[in-house]
Structure formats: C-alpha cells, structure tokens
Amino acid sequence: MHDLSAPTQKQMGEGWFKTLKQIPQQAISMSIRQIMKSKAIICTVPDKRKAQAVNDCLPGSFTPMHPASVLQRHKAAWCFLDAGSASLL
C-alpha cells in the first residue's frame, strides 16, 4: 500500500466517487513487470484530460519516459479510448 498524492485523489471526473471524502487515502500498486505477466490486459482510458498521456504512449515505440507505452509489447493488450482520450491521435 502507498499513500495517494493529492492530485491523484482529486481525479473525481471519472465518476467512481461522488465526494472527495469517499476517495481512498491509499492504494495497492503493481510493478510494470508484474502487469506484463498478465495473460491479457484491458486498459480503458476515459476523458479528454487523458489525451496527452494516450498520445505519449500509444503511437510510436516503447520509451521509459512513458511507462504505459510498454503495453505495445504485450501479446494480448487492448486499449479502449473514448473520443476525448483519443483526440490527439
């Protein structure tokens, strides 16, 4: 478990929590190495505020500057984007 930063806790726009008080103070994190051991990965990316991250990670090749770009190397990874998150592609 690790403490969530204030900016992470304030990401309420995804609809998971109705108030700031409902947002957990801590979360479990997984390493990229562990995630890549999964048989399949389904990544959903909602909202336009994620557009730059999507543009940094999906087109082009893997770069340590954008760790999520490693998903391109997984045999069974699917990324589902909405119009907002795909707007810079």
N, C-alpha and C. Protein backbone atom coordinates (compact mmCIF):
# COMPACT_ATOMS: atom_id res chain seq x y z
N MET A 1 0.84 -1.17 0.00
CA MET A 1 0.00 0.00 0.00
C MET A 1 0.89 1.24 0.00
N HIS A 2 0.42 2.25 -0.68
CA HIS A 2 1.11 3.53 -0.63
C HIS A 2 0.09 4.66 -0.60
N ASP A 3 0.51 5.79 -0.06
CA ASP A 3 -0.38 6.94 0.03
C ASP A 3 -0.58 7.56 -1.35
N LEU A 4 -1.81 7.94 -1.64
CA LEU A 4 -2.11 8.61 -2.91
C LEU A 4 -1.81 10.10 -2.78
N SER A 5 -1.25 10.68 -3.81
CA SER A 5 -0.96 12.11 -3.79
C SER A 5 -2.27 12.90 -3.89
N ALA A 6 -2.22 14.14 -3.48
CA ALA A 6 -3.42 15.00 -3.53
C ALA A 6 -3.97 15.12 -4.96
N PRO A 7 -3.11 15.34 -6.01
CA PRO A 7 -3.66 15.42 -7.37
C PRO A 7 -4.35 14.13 -7.81
N THR A 8 -3.81 12.99 -7.40
CA THR A 8 -4.44 11.71 -7.74
C THR A 8 -5.78 11.59 -7.05
N GLN A 9 -5.85 11.97 -5.80
CA GLN A 9 -7.10 11.89 -5.06
C GLN A 9 -8.17 12.81 -5.65
N LYS A 10 -7.77 13.88 -6.29
CA LYS A 10 -8.73 14.85 -6.81
C LYS A 10 -9.27 14.48 -8.19
N GLN A 11 -8.87 13.34 -8.73
CA GLN A 11 -9.36 12.91 -10.04
C GLN A 11 -10.74 12.28 -9.88
N MET A 12 -11.72 13.11 -9.65
CA MET A 12 -13.08 12.64 -9.44
C MET A 12 -13.88 12.58 -10.73
N GLY A 13 -13.38 13.13 -11.81
CA GLY A 13 -14.13 13.23 -13.05
C GLY A 13 -14.48 11.91 -13.70
N GLU A 14 -13.93 10.82 -13.23
CA GLU A 14 -14.21 9.53 -13.84
C GLU A 14 -15.49 8.90 -13.29
N GLY A 15 -16.07 9.49 -12.26
CA GLY A 15 -17.35 9.02 -11.75
C GLY A 15 -17.29 7.90 -10.72
N TRP A 16 -16.11 7.52 -10.27
CA TRP A 16 -16.02 6.43 -9.30
C TRP A 16 -16.44 6.88 -7.91
N PHE A 17 -16.21 8.15 -7.59
CA PHE A 17 -16.51 8.65 -6.25
C PHE A 17 -17.33 9.93 -6.36
N LYS A 18 -18.31 10.08 -5.47
CA LYS A 18 -19.18 11.25 -5.51
C LYS A 18 -18.60 12.43 -4.73
N THR A 19 -17.80 12.14 -3.71
CA THR A 19 -17.21 13.20 -2.90
C THR A 19 -15.73 12.90 -2.66
N LEU A 20 -14.98 13.95 -2.31
CA LEU A 20 -13.56 13.76 -2.00
C LEU A 20 -13.35 12.82 -0.81
N LYS A 21 -14.27 12.84 0.14
CA LYS A 21 -14.13 12.00 1.33
C LYS A 21 -14.23 10.51 1.00
N GLN A 22 -14.88 10.17 -0.11
CA GLN A 22 -15.02 8.77 -0.49
C GLN A 22 -13.75 8.21 -1.15
N ILE A 23 -12.88 9.08 -1.59
CA ILE A 23 -11.66 8.64 -2.28
C ILE A 23 -10.69 8.04 -1.27
N PRO A 24 -10.17 6.85 -1.53
CA PRO A 24 -9.23 6.22 -0.60
C PRO A 24 -7.96 7.05 -0.43
N GLN A 25 -7.37 6.95 0.73
CA GLN A 25 -6.11 7.64 1.02
C GLN A 25 -4.91 6.81 0.54
N GLN A 26 -5.12 5.50 0.39
CA GLN A 26 -4.05 4.61 0.00
C GLN A 26 -4.53 3.67 -1.10
N ALA A 27 -3.57 3.10 -1.83
CA ALA A 27 -3.89 2.15 -2.89
C ALA A 27 -2.78 1.12 -3.01
N ILE A 28 -3.11 0.01 -3.62
CA ILE A 28 -2.11 -1.02 -3.92
C ILE A 28 -1.58 -0.73 -5.31
N SER A 29 -0.29 -0.80 -5.47
CA SER A 29 0.28 -0.58 -6.79
C SER A 29 0.97 -1.86 -7.26
N MET A 30 1.05 -1.99 -8.58
CA MET A 30 1.72 -3.14 -9.17
C MET A 30 2.85 -2.63 -10.06
N SER A 31 3.92 -3.39 -10.12
CA SER A 31 5.03 -3.01 -10.98
C SER A 31 4.68 -3.31 -12.44
N ILE A 32 5.34 -2.63 -13.33
CA ILE A 32 5.13 -2.87 -14.76
C ILE A 32 5.48 -4.32 -15.09
N ARG A 33 6.54 -4.83 -14.50
CA ARG A 33 6.94 -6.22 -14.73
C ARG A 33 5.81 -7.17 -14.36
N GLN A 34 5.16 -6.93 -13.22
CA GLN A 34 4.06 -7.79 -12.79
C GLN A 34 2.86 -7.65 -13.71
N ILE A 35 2.52 -6.43 -14.10
CA ILE A 35 1.40 -6.21 -15.02
C ILE A 35 1.63 -6.93 -16.34
N MET A 36 2.85 -6.88 -16.84
CA MET A 36 3.16 -7.51 -18.13
C MET A 36 3.12 -9.03 -18.06
N LYS A 37 3.09 -9.62 -16.88
CA LYS A 37 2.95 -11.07 -16.73
C LYS A 37 1.50 -11.52 -16.91
N SER A 38 0.57 -10.57 -16.96
CA SER A 38 -0.84 -10.92 -17.12
C SER A 38 -1.09 -11.60 -18.45
N LYS A 39 -2.04 -12.55 -18.47
CA LYS A 39 -2.42 -13.21 -19.73
C LYS A 39 -3.01 -12.21 -20.70
N ALA A 40 -3.83 -11.31 -20.19
CA ALA A 40 -4.48 -10.30 -21.02
C ALA A 40 -4.59 -9.01 -20.21
N ILE A 41 -4.53 -7.89 -20.91
CA ILE A 41 -4.65 -6.58 -20.28
C ILE A 41 -5.73 -5.80 -21.01
N ILE A 42 -6.68 -5.30 -20.25
CA ILE A 42 -7.70 -4.41 -20.80
C ILE A 42 -7.51 -3.06 -20.14
N CYS A 43 -7.23 -2.07 -20.94
CA CYS A 43 -6.96 -0.73 -20.46
C CYS A 43 -8.05 0.21 -20.98
N THR A 44 -8.79 0.80 -20.09
CA THR A 44 -9.81 1.77 -20.51
C THR A 44 -9.32 3.16 -20.15
N VAL A 45 -9.47 4.08 -21.09
CA VAL A 45 -8.97 5.43 -20.89
C VAL A 45 -10.08 6.43 -21.21
N PRO A 46 -10.77 6.89 -20.17
CA PRO A 46 -11.84 7.86 -20.40
C PRO A 46 -11.37 9.30 -20.24
N ASP A 47 -11.98 10.18 -20.99
CA ASP A 47 -11.89 11.62 -20.77
C ASP A 47 -10.73 12.28 -21.54
N LYS A 48 -11.02 13.48 -21.96
CA LYS A 48 -10.06 14.27 -22.75
C LYS A 48 -8.80 14.62 -21.95
N ARG A 49 -8.90 14.71 -20.64
CA ARG A 49 -7.71 15.05 -19.86
C ARG A 49 -6.64 13.97 -19.91
N LYS A 50 -6.98 12.80 -20.45
CA LYS A 50 -6.00 11.72 -20.63
C LYS A 50 -5.41 11.69 -22.04
N ALA A 51 -5.84 12.61 -22.90
CA ALA A 51 -5.44 12.60 -24.31
C ALA A 51 -3.93 12.70 -24.50
N GLN A 52 -3.27 13.55 -23.73
CA GLN A 52 -1.81 13.69 -23.90
C GLN A 52 -1.09 12.42 -23.50
N ALA A 53 -1.53 11.79 -22.41
CA ALA A 53 -0.92 10.52 -21.99
C ALA A 53 -1.10 9.44 -23.04
N VAL A 54 -2.29 9.37 -23.64
CA VAL A 54 -2.55 8.40 -24.70
C VAL A 54 -1.63 8.68 -25.89
N ASN A 55 -1.52 9.93 -26.27
CA ASN A 55 -0.67 10.30 -27.40
C ASN A 55 0.81 10.02 -27.11
N ASP A 56 1.20 10.12 -25.86
CA ASP A 56 2.59 9.84 -25.49
C ASP A 56 2.90 8.34 -25.47
N CYS A 57 1.86 7.51 -25.24
CA CYS A 57 2.10 6.09 -25.01
C CYS A 57 1.74 5.15 -26.15
N LEU A 58 0.78 5.50 -26.97
CA LEU A 58 0.33 4.53 -27.97
C LEU A 58 1.02 4.63 -29.32
N PRO A 59 1.08 5.78 -29.96
CA PRO A 59 1.79 5.78 -31.24
C PRO A 59 3.30 5.74 -31.00
N GLY A 60 4.02 5.25 -31.93
CA GLY A 60 5.48 5.20 -31.76
C GLY A 60 5.91 3.95 -31.04
N SER A 61 7.10 4.01 -30.46
CA SER A 61 7.66 2.83 -29.82
C SER A 61 7.74 3.01 -28.31
N PHE A 62 8.10 1.95 -27.62
CA PHE A 62 8.23 1.98 -26.17
C PHE A 62 9.33 2.95 -25.76
N THR A 63 9.07 3.71 -24.73
CA THR A 63 10.08 4.59 -24.15
C THR A 63 9.90 4.63 -22.64
N PRO A 64 10.98 4.52 -21.89
CA PRO A 64 10.89 4.62 -20.43
C PRO A 64 10.32 5.96 -19.94
N MET A 65 10.34 6.96 -20.80
CA MET A 65 9.75 8.25 -20.43
C MET A 65 8.24 8.15 -20.28
N HIS A 66 7.63 7.15 -20.94
CA HIS A 66 6.19 6.92 -20.87
C HIS A 66 5.98 5.43 -20.61
N PRO A 67 6.03 5.03 -19.34
CA PRO A 67 5.99 3.60 -19.00
C PRO A 67 4.81 2.83 -19.57
N ALA A 68 3.65 3.44 -19.71
CA ALA A 68 2.49 2.71 -20.25
C ALA A 68 2.70 2.32 -21.71
N SER A 69 3.66 2.92 -22.38
CA SER A 69 3.93 2.54 -23.77
C SER A 69 4.40 1.09 -23.88
N VAL A 70 4.82 0.48 -22.78
CA VAL A 70 5.23 -0.92 -22.79
C VAL A 70 4.06 -1.84 -23.14
N LEU A 71 2.82 -1.37 -22.98
CA LEU A 71 1.66 -2.19 -23.34
C LEU A 71 1.71 -2.60 -24.81
N GLN A 72 2.39 -1.83 -25.63
CA GLN A 72 2.53 -2.17 -27.05
C GLN A 72 3.25 -3.51 -27.23
N ARG A 73 4.04 -3.91 -26.26
CA ARG A 73 4.82 -5.15 -26.35
C ARG A 73 4.06 -6.37 -25.84
N HIS A 74 2.90 -6.18 -25.26
CA HIS A 74 2.14 -7.30 -24.71
C HIS A 74 1.35 -7.98 -25.83
N LYS A 75 1.30 -9.31 -25.80
CA LYS A 75 0.62 -10.08 -26.86
C LYS A 75 -0.89 -9.93 -26.85
N ALA A 76 -1.46 -9.62 -25.69
CA ALA A 76 -2.92 -9.55 -25.57
C ALA A 76 -3.32 -8.34 -24.74
N ALA A 77 -3.02 -7.16 -25.25
CA ALA A 77 -3.41 -5.92 -24.57
C ALA A 77 -4.37 -5.15 -25.47
N TRP A 78 -5.46 -4.71 -24.87
CA TRP A 78 -6.45 -3.90 -25.59
C TRP A 78 -6.62 -2.59 -24.86
N CYS A 79 -6.61 -1.50 -25.61
CA CYS A 79 -6.87 -0.18 -25.03
C CYS A 79 -8.17 0.35 -25.64
N PHE A 80 -9.09 0.69 -24.77
CA PHE A 80 -10.36 1.26 -25.20
C PHE A 80 -10.37 2.73 -24.85
N LEU A 81 -10.53 3.56 -25.87
CA LEU A 81 -10.50 5.01 -25.71
C LEU A 81 -11.85 5.59 -26.05
N ASP A 82 -12.19 6.71 -25.45
CA ASP A 82 -13.37 7.43 -25.91
C ASP A 82 -12.87 8.56 -26.82
N ALA A 83 -13.79 9.32 -27.37
CA ALA A 83 -13.43 10.39 -28.31
C ALA A 83 -12.47 11.39 -27.68
N GLY A 84 -12.68 11.71 -26.41
CA GLY A 84 -11.82 12.67 -25.73
C GLY A 84 -10.40 12.17 -25.56
N SER A 85 -10.24 10.97 -25.04
CA SER A 85 -8.89 10.43 -24.81
C SER A 85 -8.15 10.14 -26.10
N ALA A 86 -8.87 9.92 -27.18
CA ALA A 86 -8.25 9.65 -28.49
C ALA A 86 -8.08 10.92 -29.32
N SER A 87 -8.42 12.06 -28.79
CA SER A 87 -8.49 13.29 -29.60
C SER A 87 -7.15 13.78 -30.14
N LEU A 88 -6.02 13.35 -29.58
CA LEU A 88 -4.72 13.81 -30.10
C LEU A 88 -4.04 12.78 -31.00
N LEU A 89 -4.68 11.65 -31.22
CA LEU A 89 -4.09 10.62 -32.09
C LEU A 89 -4.28 10.96 -33.54
